[in-house]
Amino acid sequence: MLFDVRTYTCRPGSIRKHMELYLEKGWAAQRRHLGEPLFYGACETGDPNQYVHIWVYENAGDREKKRAAMQADPDWQAYIAASAEAGWLIKQENKLMVNAPFFESSVKPK
């Protein structure tokens, strides 16, 4: 299993507006292609301008296929364009992670 851990940083004071834009234009399209995230949340401590989401895939091929379908979706492209125009995102970090040898996750990709 492959976990795609994504951390985004917004301009100070813009995270709420960014999340509203995402809910309006990106959330449905992303879930349509990637399924339900394992986690999606805003930082309670640390940097208040950051949020994290974690998506689960069977493997790198599954991730590549699902993300390519999402990128080809006009609704997702409209969200990407609106997000770029707003300019609220200033940093993105992605980590692809696998289970530790002793850990068996109960979460399964859809």
C-alpha atoms as a PDB file:
ATOM      1  CA  MET A   1       0.000   0.000   0.000  1.00  0.00           C
ATOM      2  CA  LEU A   2       1.145   3.537  -0.771  1.00  0.00           C
ATOM      3  CA  PHE A   3       0.243   6.597   1.313  1.00  0.00           C
ATOM      4  CA  ASP A   4       0.440   9.998  -0.392  1.00  0.00           C
ATOM      5  CA  VAL A   5       0.961  12.520   2.423  1.00  0.00           C
ATOM      6  CA  ARG A   6       0.525  16.094   1.232  1.00  0.00           C
ATOM      7  CA  THR A   7       1.186  19.238   3.250  1.00  0.00           C
ATOM      8  CA  TYR A   8       0.176  22.618   1.864  1.00  0.00           C
ATOM      9  CA  THR A   9       1.019  26.061   3.212  1.00  0.00           C
ATOM     10  CA  CYS A  10      -1.231  29.037   2.496  1.00  0.00           C
ATOM     11  CA  ARG A  11      -0.469  32.742   2.691  1.00  0.00           C
ATOM     12  CA  PRO A  12      -1.165  33.988   6.225  1.00  0.00           C
ATOM     13  CA  GLY A  13      -4.844  34.686   6.700  1.00  0.00           C
ATOM     14  CA  SER A  14      -5.972  32.881   3.537  1.00  0.00           C
ATOM     15  CA  ILE A  15      -6.383  29.234   4.586  1.00  0.00           C
ATOM     16  CA  ARG A  16     -10.114  29.582   5.258  1.00  0.00           C
ATOM     17  CA  LYS A  17     -10.703  31.192   1.845  1.00  0.00           C
ATOM     18  CA  HIS A  18      -8.573  28.535   0.154  1.00  0.00           C
ATOM     19  CA  MET A  19     -10.491  25.694   1.801  1.00  0.00           C
ATOM     20  CA  GLU A  20     -13.799  27.288   0.786  1.00  0.00           C
ATOM     21  CA  LEU A  21     -12.584  27.451  -2.824  1.00  0.00           C
ATOM     22  CA  TYR A  22     -11.444  23.817  -2.656  1.00  0.00           C
ATOM     23  CA  LEU A  23     -14.785  22.691  -1.213  1.00  0.00           C
ATOM     24  CA  GLU A  24     -16.659  24.565  -3.928  1.00  0.00           C
ATOM     25  CA  LYS A  25     -14.539  23.580  -6.927  1.00  0.00           C
ATOM     26  CA  GLY A  26     -12.107  20.748  -6.117  1.00  0.00           C
ATOM     27  CA  TRP A  27     -13.391  18.400  -3.396  1.00  0.00           C
ATOM     28  CA  ALA A  28     -15.953  16.507  -5.511  1.00  0.00           C
ATOM     29  CA  ALA A  29     -13.645  16.107  -8.507  1.00  0.00           C
ATOM     30  CA  GLN A  30     -10.747  14.880  -6.391  1.00  0.00           C
ATOM     31  CA  ARG A  31     -12.860  12.331  -4.509  1.00  0.00           C
ATOM     32  CA  ARG A  32     -14.428  11.182  -7.772  1.00  0.00           C
ATOM     33  CA  HIS A  33     -11.013  10.010  -8.962  1.00  0.00           C
ATOM     34  CA  LEU A  34      -9.020   9.279  -5.795  1.00  0.00           C
ATOM     35  CA  GLY A  35     -11.761   7.979  -3.505  1.00  0.00           C
ATOM     36  CA  GLU A  36     -12.064   9.115   0.092  1.00  0.00           C
ATOM     37  CA  PRO A  37      -8.904  10.426   1.754  1.00  0.00           C
ATOM     38  CA  LEU A  38      -7.590   8.683   4.850  1.00  0.00           C
ATOM     39  CA  PHE A  39      -7.279  12.116   6.454  1.00  0.00           C
ATOM     40  CA  TYR A  40      -7.889  15.759   5.570  1.00  0.00           C
ATOM     41  CA  GLY A  41      -7.324  18.427   8.184  1.00  0.00           C
ATOM     42  CA  ALA A  42      -5.964  21.817   9.175  1.00  0.00           C
ATOM     43  CA  CYS A  43      -3.161  22.287  11.700  1.00  0.00           C
ATOM     44  CA  GLU A  44      -4.363  22.822  15.249  1.00  0.00           C
ATOM     45  CA  THR A  45      -0.831  23.508  16.537  1.00  0.00           C
ATOM     46  CA  GLY A  46       2.309  24.466  14.674  1.00  0.00           C
ATOM     47  CA  ASP A  47       1.812  26.501  11.501  1.00  0.00           C
ATOM     48  CA  PRO A  48      -1.837  27.653  11.400  1.00  0.00           C
ATOM     49  CA  ASN A  49      -1.469  28.267   7.674  1.00  0.00           C
ATOM     50  CA  GLN A  50      -0.954  24.573   6.853  1.00  0.00           C
ATOM     51  CA  TYR A  51      -3.262  21.695   6.080  1.00  0.00           C
ATOM     52  CA  VAL A  52      -2.582  18.034   5.367  1.00  0.00           C
ATOM     53  CA  HIS A  53      -4.338  15.332   3.427  1.00  0.00           C
ATOM     54  CA  ILE A  54      -3.476  11.660   3.017  1.00  0.00           C
ATOM     55  CA  TRP A  55      -4.619   9.493   0.113  1.00  0.00           C
ATOM     56  CA  VAL A  56      -4.214   5.710  -0.042  1.00  0.00           C
ATOM     57  CA  TYR A  57      -3.289   3.759  -3.170  1.00  0.00           C
ATOM     58  CA  GLU A  58      -2.623   0.100  -3.877  1.00  0.00           C
ATOM     59  CA  ASN A  59       0.768   0.964  -5.384  1.00  0.00           C
ATOM     60  CA  ALA A  60       2.525   3.534  -7.570  1.00  0.00           C
ATOM     61  CA  GLY A  61       0.681   2.349 -10.685  1.00  0.00           C
ATOM     62  CA  ASP A  62      -2.703   2.800  -9.003  1.00  0.00           C
ATOM     63  CA  ARG A  63      -1.685   6.304  -7.922  1.00  0.00           C
ATOM     64  CA  GLU A  64      -0.460   7.218 -11.397  1.00  0.00           C
ATOM     65  CA  LYS A  65      -3.663   5.986 -13.058  1.00  0.00           C
ATOM     66  CA  LYS A  66      -6.005   7.768 -10.640  1.00  0.00           C
ATOM     67  CA  ARG A  67      -4.077  11.029 -10.660  1.00  0.00           C
ATOM     68  CA  ALA A  68      -3.901  11.037 -14.483  1.00  0.00           C
ATOM     69  CA  ALA A  69      -7.686  10.640 -14.661  1.00  0.00           C
ATOM     70  CA  MET A  70      -8.098  13.479 -12.168  1.00  0.00           C
ATOM     71  CA  GLN A  71      -5.742  15.750 -14.123  1.00  0.00           C
ATOM     72  CA  ALA A  72      -7.809  15.127 -17.281  1.00  0.00           C
ATOM     73  CA  ASP A  73     -11.065  16.098 -15.523  1.00  0.00           C
ATOM     74  CA  PRO A  74     -12.316  19.572 -16.597  1.00  0.00           C
ATOM     75  CA  ASP A  75     -13.746  20.170 -13.111  1.00  0.00           C
ATOM     76  CA  TRP A  76     -10.330  19.551 -11.549  1.00  0.00           C
ATOM     77  CA  GLN A  77      -8.664  21.793 -14.115  1.00  0.00           C
ATOM     78  CA  ALA A  78     -11.174  24.562 -13.280  1.00  0.00           C
ATOM     79  CA  TYR A  79     -10.242  24.231  -9.608  1.00  0.00           C
ATOM     80  CA  ILE A  80      -6.500  24.327 -10.381  1.00  0.00           C
ATOM     81  CA  ALA A  81      -6.992  27.478 -12.462  1.00  0.00           C
ATOM     82  CA  ALA A  82      -9.092  29.169  -9.763  1.00  0.00           C
ATOM     83  CA  SER A  83      -6.555  28.235  -7.076  1.00  0.00           C
ATOM     84  CA  ALA A  84      -3.656  29.586  -9.143  1.00  0.00           C
ATOM     85  CA  GLU A  85      -5.549  32.799  -9.817  1.00  0.00           C
ATOM     86  CA  ALA A  86      -6.306  33.266  -6.103  1.00  0.00           C
ATOM     87  CA  GLY A  87      -2.618  32.792  -5.250  1.00  0.00           C
ATOM     88  CA  TRP A  88      -3.250  31.581  -1.700  1.00  0.00           C
ATOM     89  CA  LEU A  89      -1.004  28.504  -1.864  1.00  0.00           C
ATOM     90  CA  ILE A  90       2.678  29.234  -1.352  1.00  0.00           C
ATOM     91  CA  LYS A  91       4.173  25.785  -0.671  1.00  0.00           C
ATOM     92  CA  GLN A  92       3.421  22.113  -1.262  1.00  0.00           C
ATOM     93  CA  GLU A  93       5.239  19.084   0.152  1.00  0.00           C
ATOM     94  CA  ASN A  94       4.476  15.518  -0.933  1.00  0.00           C
ATOM     95  CA  LYS A  95       5.718  12.335   0.677  1.00  0.00           C
ATOM     96  CA  LEU A  96       4.971   8.873  -0.660  1.00  0.00           C
ATOM     97  CA  MET A  97       5.134   6.458   2.253  1.00  0.00           C
ATOM     98  CA  VAL A  98       4.744   2.707   2.790  1.00  0.00           C
ATOM     99  CA  ASN A  99       3.925   0.734   5.924  1.00  0.00           C
ATOM    100  CA  ALA A 100       6.744  -0.075   8.315  1.00  0.00           C
ATOM    101  CA  PRO A 101       7.556  -3.827   8.189  1.00  0.00           C
ATOM    102  CA  PHE A 102       5.767  -4.468  11.498  1.00  0.00           C
ATOM    103  CA  PHE A 103       2.635  -2.379  10.744  1.00  0.00           C
ATOM    104  CA  GLU A 104      -0.430  -3.703   8.943  1.00  0.00           C
ATOM    105  CA  SER A 105      -2.887  -0.927   8.138  1.00  0.00           C
ATOM    106  CA  SER A 106      -6.590  -1.662   8.327  1.00  0.00           C
ATOM    107  CA  VAL A 107      -7.171   1.003   5.666  1.00  0.00           C
ATOM    108  CA  LYS A 108      -7.629  -0.258   2.111  1.00  0.00           C
ATOM    109  CA  PRO A 109      -7.659   1.881  -1.071  1.00  0.00           C
ATOM    110  CA  LYS A 110     -10.908   2.097  -3.013  1.00  0.00           C
END
